[in-house]
């Protein structure tokens, strides 16, 4: 059962996660960069690539012993991949209302 759950959620993390981050970045780009500097908006595909580059050059891998079971690690990973960008989007939206 654990393997089936992992096989179902791994594609969501690997495929939908970068798409969500790219979409959020495209919204942030329009709200803050386009309106402030009068530059062209970026397409979602460009933002996905930009988000991947930023993640690649800024990612820190700290190897610590993790005593959580696979299910806890899986839900933690899903929360980081999906809730993190949505939290940033919500916070940025509130800030954009003041511009």
N, C-alpha and C. Protein backbone atom coordinates (compact mmCIF):
# COMPACT_ATOMS: atom_id res chain seq x y z
N UNK A 1 0.83 -1.20 0.00
CA UNK A 1 0.00 0.00 0.00
C UNK A 1 0.87 1.26 0.00
N UNK A 2 1.96 1.23 0.77
CA UNK A 2 2.84 2.38 0.83
C UNK A 2 3.47 2.66 -0.53
N UNK A 3 3.81 1.60 -1.23
CA UNK A 3 4.43 1.77 -2.55
C UNK A 3 3.45 2.35 -3.55
N UNK A 4 2.20 1.92 -3.48
CA UNK A 4 1.19 2.44 -4.39
C UNK A 4 0.96 3.93 -4.12
N UNK A 5 0.88 4.30 -2.84
CA UNK A 5 0.71 5.70 -2.47
C UNK A 5 1.89 6.53 -2.95
N UNK A 6 3.08 6.01 -2.80
CA UNK A 6 4.28 6.70 -3.27
C UNK A 6 4.28 6.84 -4.79
N UNK A 7 3.89 5.78 -5.49
CA UNK A 7 3.85 5.82 -6.95
C UNK A 7 2.81 6.80 -7.48
N UNK A 8 1.74 7.02 -6.71
CA UNK A 8 0.71 7.96 -7.13
C UNK A 8 1.08 9.41 -6.82
N UNK A 9 1.77 9.63 -5.71
CA UNK A 9 2.08 11.00 -5.32
C UNK A 9 3.39 11.51 -5.90
N UNK A 10 4.30 10.64 -6.23
CA UNK A 10 5.57 11.08 -6.79
C UNK A 10 5.40 11.85 -8.09
N UNK A 11 4.55 11.38 -9.04
CA UNK A 11 4.33 12.21 -10.24
C UNK A 11 3.71 13.57 -9.92
N UNK A 12 2.85 13.61 -8.92
CA UNK A 12 2.25 14.88 -8.54
C UNK A 12 3.32 15.85 -8.05
N UNK A 13 4.24 15.34 -7.28
CA UNK A 13 5.31 16.19 -6.76
C UNK A 13 6.24 16.62 -7.88
N UNK A 14 6.62 15.70 -8.74
CA UNK A 14 7.61 15.99 -9.77
C UNK A 14 7.05 16.76 -10.96
N UNK A 15 5.77 16.63 -11.25
CA UNK A 15 5.20 17.30 -12.42
C UNK A 15 4.36 18.51 -12.02
N UNK A 16 3.41 18.30 -11.13
CA UNK A 16 2.52 19.39 -10.76
C UNK A 16 3.20 20.44 -9.89
N UNK A 17 4.18 20.03 -9.11
CA UNK A 17 4.89 20.99 -8.25
C UNK A 17 5.57 22.09 -9.05
N UNK A 18 6.42 21.77 -10.02
CA UNK A 18 7.04 22.83 -10.83
C UNK A 18 6.03 23.66 -11.63
N UNK A 19 4.94 23.04 -12.08
CA UNK A 19 3.93 23.80 -12.81
C UNK A 19 3.27 24.82 -11.88
N UNK A 20 2.96 24.40 -10.66
CA UNK A 20 2.37 25.32 -9.69
C UNK A 20 3.33 26.45 -9.37
N UNK A 21 4.61 26.12 -9.14
CA UNK A 21 5.60 27.16 -8.84
C UNK A 21 5.75 28.13 -10.01
N UNK A 22 5.71 27.63 -11.23
CA UNK A 22 5.80 28.49 -12.40
C UNK A 22 4.59 29.40 -12.52
N UNK A 23 3.41 28.86 -12.26
CA UNK A 23 2.20 29.67 -12.31
C UNK A 23 2.22 30.77 -11.26
N UNK A 24 2.63 30.41 -10.03
CA UNK A 24 2.73 31.40 -8.96
C UNK A 24 3.76 32.47 -9.34
N UNK A 25 4.90 32.06 -9.86
CA UNK A 25 5.92 33.02 -10.26
C UNK A 25 5.40 33.95 -11.36
N UNK A 26 4.60 33.42 -12.29
CA UNK A 26 4.05 34.28 -13.35
C UNK A 26 3.11 35.33 -12.76
N UNK A 27 2.34 34.97 -11.77
CA UNK A 27 1.46 35.94 -11.10
C UNK A 27 2.28 36.99 -10.35
N UNK A 28 3.29 36.54 -9.61
CA UNK A 28 4.14 37.48 -8.89
C UNK A 28 4.86 38.42 -9.85
N UNK A 29 5.29 37.89 -10.99
CA UNK A 29 5.98 38.69 -12.00
C UNK A 29 5.06 39.82 -12.49
N UNK A 30 3.82 39.48 -12.78
CA UNK A 30 2.88 40.49 -13.27
C UNK A 30 2.57 41.51 -12.17
N UNK A 31 2.31 41.05 -10.97
CA UNK A 31 1.92 41.95 -9.90
C UNK A 31 3.02 42.93 -9.51
N UNK A 32 4.28 42.47 -9.50
CA UNK A 32 5.35 43.30 -8.96
C UNK A 32 6.34 43.80 -10.01
N UNK A 33 6.76 42.96 -10.93
CA UNK A 33 7.80 43.34 -11.88
C UNK A 33 7.21 44.11 -13.06
N UNK A 34 6.16 43.58 -13.66
CA UNK A 34 5.57 44.24 -14.84
C UNK A 34 5.03 45.61 -14.46
N UNK A 35 4.32 45.70 -13.34
CA UNK A 35 3.73 46.99 -12.96
C UNK A 35 4.77 47.99 -12.49
N UNK A 36 5.87 47.53 -11.91
CA UNK A 36 6.89 48.46 -11.41
C UNK A 36 7.88 48.89 -12.48
N UNK A 37 8.31 47.96 -13.33
CA UNK A 37 9.37 48.24 -14.29
C UNK A 37 8.89 48.28 -15.73
N UNK A 38 7.62 48.05 -15.97
CA UNK A 38 7.02 48.12 -17.31
C UNK A 38 7.75 47.21 -18.29
N UNK A 39 7.97 45.98 -17.88
CA UNK A 39 8.58 44.97 -18.76
C UNK A 39 7.48 44.01 -19.21
N UNK A 40 7.83 43.14 -20.14
CA UNK A 40 6.87 42.18 -20.67
C UNK A 40 6.55 41.11 -19.63
N UNK A 41 5.30 40.67 -19.59
CA UNK A 41 4.98 39.52 -18.72
C UNK A 41 5.63 38.26 -19.27
N UNK A 42 5.90 37.32 -18.38
CA UNK A 42 6.49 36.04 -18.78
C UNK A 42 5.39 34.99 -18.90
N UNK A 43 5.57 34.09 -19.85
CA UNK A 43 4.65 32.97 -19.99
C UNK A 43 4.89 31.98 -18.86
N UNK A 44 3.91 31.14 -18.60
CA UNK A 44 4.04 30.17 -17.52
C UNK A 44 5.22 29.23 -17.77
N UNK A 45 5.43 28.82 -19.03
CA UNK A 45 6.57 27.94 -19.34
C UNK A 45 7.90 28.62 -19.02
N UNK A 46 8.01 29.90 -19.31
CA UNK A 46 9.23 30.63 -18.96
C UNK A 46 9.41 30.69 -17.45
N UNK A 47 8.32 30.89 -16.74
CA UNK A 47 8.39 30.95 -15.28
C UNK A 47 8.72 29.60 -14.66
N UNK A 48 8.24 28.53 -15.27
CA UNK A 48 8.60 27.20 -14.78
C UNK A 48 10.11 27.02 -14.91
N UNK A 49 10.66 27.36 -16.06
CA UNK A 49 12.11 27.26 -16.26
C UNK A 49 12.87 28.15 -15.31
N UNK A 50 12.40 29.37 -15.11
CA UNK A 50 13.07 30.29 -14.20
C UNK A 50 13.02 29.77 -12.76
N UNK A 51 11.88 29.24 -12.36
CA UNK A 51 11.75 28.68 -11.01
C UNK A 51 12.66 27.47 -10.83
N UNK A 52 12.79 26.64 -11.85
CA UNK A 52 13.69 25.49 -11.77
C UNK A 52 15.14 25.94 -11.64
N UNK A 53 15.52 26.97 -12.40
CA UNK A 53 16.89 27.48 -12.31
C UNK A 53 17.16 28.05 -10.93
N UNK A 54 16.24 28.86 -10.43
CA UNK A 54 16.42 29.46 -9.11
C UNK A 54 16.51 28.37 -8.04
N UNK A 55 15.64 27.37 -8.12
CA UNK A 55 15.68 26.27 -7.17
C UNK A 55 16.97 25.48 -7.26
N UNK A 56 17.48 25.33 -8.47
CA UNK A 56 18.72 24.57 -8.67
C UNK A 56 19.92 25.27 -8.05
N UNK A 57 20.01 26.57 -8.22
CA UNK A 57 21.19 27.28 -7.72
C UNK A 57 21.08 27.69 -6.26
N UNK A 58 19.89 27.62 -5.67
CA UNK A 58 19.74 28.05 -4.28
C UNK A 58 19.41 26.91 -3.32
N UNK A 59 19.23 25.72 -3.81
CA UNK A 59 18.83 24.59 -2.95
C UNK A 59 19.96 24.19 -2.03
N UNK A 60 19.63 24.08 -0.74
CA UNK A 60 20.57 23.58 0.24
C UNK A 60 20.16 22.18 0.64
N UNK A 61 21.08 21.27 0.57
CA UNK A 61 20.82 19.90 1.01
C UNK A 61 21.52 19.68 2.34
N UNK A 62 20.75 19.69 3.38
CA UNK A 62 21.28 19.43 4.71
C UNK A 62 20.87 18.02 5.09
N UNK A 63 21.84 17.17 5.21
CA UNK A 63 21.54 15.76 5.50
C UNK A 63 21.52 15.57 7.02
N UNK A 64 20.34 15.38 7.53
CA UNK A 64 20.18 15.08 8.95
C UNK A 64 19.40 13.78 9.06
N UNK A 65 19.54 13.15 10.17
CA UNK A 65 18.83 11.90 10.37
C UNK A 65 17.35 12.20 10.59
N UNK A 66 16.53 11.59 9.79
CA UNK A 66 15.09 11.82 9.85
C UNK A 66 14.42 10.53 10.31
N UNK A 67 13.81 10.60 11.46
CA UNK A 67 13.21 9.40 12.06
C UNK A 67 11.73 9.25 11.73
N UNK A 68 11.21 10.11 10.84
CA UNK A 68 9.80 10.01 10.49
C UNK A 68 9.58 8.81 9.57
N UNK A 69 8.37 8.28 9.61
CA UNK A 69 8.06 7.17 8.70
C UNK A 69 7.78 7.72 7.30
N UNK A 70 7.61 6.83 6.35
CA UNK A 70 7.45 7.22 4.94
C UNK A 70 6.20 8.07 4.74
N UNK A 71 5.14 7.76 5.45
CA UNK A 71 3.90 8.51 5.28
C UNK A 71 4.07 9.96 5.74
N UNK A 72 4.74 10.16 6.87
CA UNK A 72 4.97 11.52 7.36
C UNK A 72 5.88 12.30 6.42
N UNK A 73 6.89 11.64 5.89
CA UNK A 73 7.78 12.29 4.93
C UNK A 73 7.03 12.68 3.66
N UNK A 74 6.14 11.81 3.23
CA UNK A 74 5.37 12.05 2.02
C UNK A 74 4.46 13.26 2.20
N UNK A 75 3.73 13.32 3.31
CA UNK A 75 2.84 14.45 3.54
C UNK A 75 3.62 15.75 3.75
N UNK A 76 4.78 15.66 4.36
CA UNK A 76 5.63 16.84 4.50
C UNK A 76 6.10 17.34 3.14
N UNK A 77 6.48 16.43 2.27
CA UNK A 77 6.90 16.81 0.92
C UNK A 77 5.77 17.43 0.13
N UNK A 78 4.58 16.85 0.23
CA UNK A 78 3.42 17.41 -0.46
C UNK A 78 3.09 18.81 0.05
N UNK A 79 3.19 18.99 1.36
CA UNK A 79 2.92 20.31 1.94
C UNK A 79 3.93 21.34 1.44
N UNK A 80 5.20 20.96 1.37
CA UNK A 80 6.22 21.90 0.89
C UNK A 80 6.01 22.24 -0.57
N UNK A 81 5.66 21.26 -1.37
CA UNK A 81 5.52 21.47 -2.82
C UNK A 81 4.27 22.27 -3.15
N UNK A 82 3.17 22.03 -2.47
CA UNK A 82 1.91 22.66 -2.85
C UNK A 82 1.49 23.80 -1.93
N UNK A 83 1.61 23.64 -0.63
CA UNK A 83 1.15 24.69 0.27
C UNK A 83 2.11 25.87 0.32
N UNK A 84 3.40 25.62 0.16
CA UNK A 84 4.38 26.71 0.18
C UNK A 84 4.11 27.75 -0.90
N UNK A 85 4.03 27.34 -2.18
CA UNK A 85 3.73 28.32 -3.22
C UNK A 85 2.38 29.00 -3.06
N UNK A 86 1.37 28.26 -2.58
CA UNK A 86 0.05 28.87 -2.40
C UNK A 86 0.07 29.90 -1.27
N UNK A 87 0.83 29.64 -0.23
CA UNK A 87 0.98 30.62 0.85
C UNK A 87 1.66 31.88 0.32
N UNK A 88 2.72 31.72 -0.46
CA UNK A 88 3.42 32.87 -1.04
C UNK A 88 2.47 33.65 -1.94
N UNK A 89 1.67 32.96 -2.75
CA UNK A 89 0.73 33.62 -3.63
C UNK A 89 -0.29 34.44 -2.83
N UNK A 90 -0.84 33.87 -1.79
CA UNK A 90 -1.81 34.59 -0.97
C UNK A 90 -1.21 35.80 -0.30
N UNK A 91 -0.02 35.65 0.25
CA UNK A 91 0.66 36.77 0.90
C UNK A 91 0.99 37.86 -0.11
N UNK A 92 1.48 37.47 -1.29
CA UNK A 92 1.83 38.44 -2.32
C UNK A 92 0.59 39.15 -2.84
N UNK A 93 -0.53 38.44 -2.92
CA UNK A 93 -1.76 39.07 -3.37
C UNK A 93 -2.16 40.20 -2.42
N UNK A 94 -2.08 39.94 -1.13
CA UNK A 94 -2.42 40.98 -0.15
C UNK A 94 -1.48 42.17 -0.32
N UNK A 95 -0.19 41.92 -0.49
CA UNK A 95 0.76 43.02 -0.68
C UNK A 95 0.45 43.78 -1.97
N UNK A 96 0.06 43.06 -3.03
CA UNK A 96 -0.22 43.74 -4.30
C UNK A 96 -1.41 44.67 -4.21
N UNK A 97 -2.30 44.45 -3.25
CA UNK A 97 -3.45 45.33 -3.09
C UNK A 97 -3.03 46.71 -2.61
N UNK A 98 -1.87 46.83 -2.01
CA UNK A 98 -1.38 48.10 -1.52
C UNK A 98 -0.58 48.88 -2.54
N UNK A 99 -0.35 48.30 -3.71
CA UNK A 99 0.43 48.99 -4.74
C UNK A 99 -0.43 49.92 -5.56
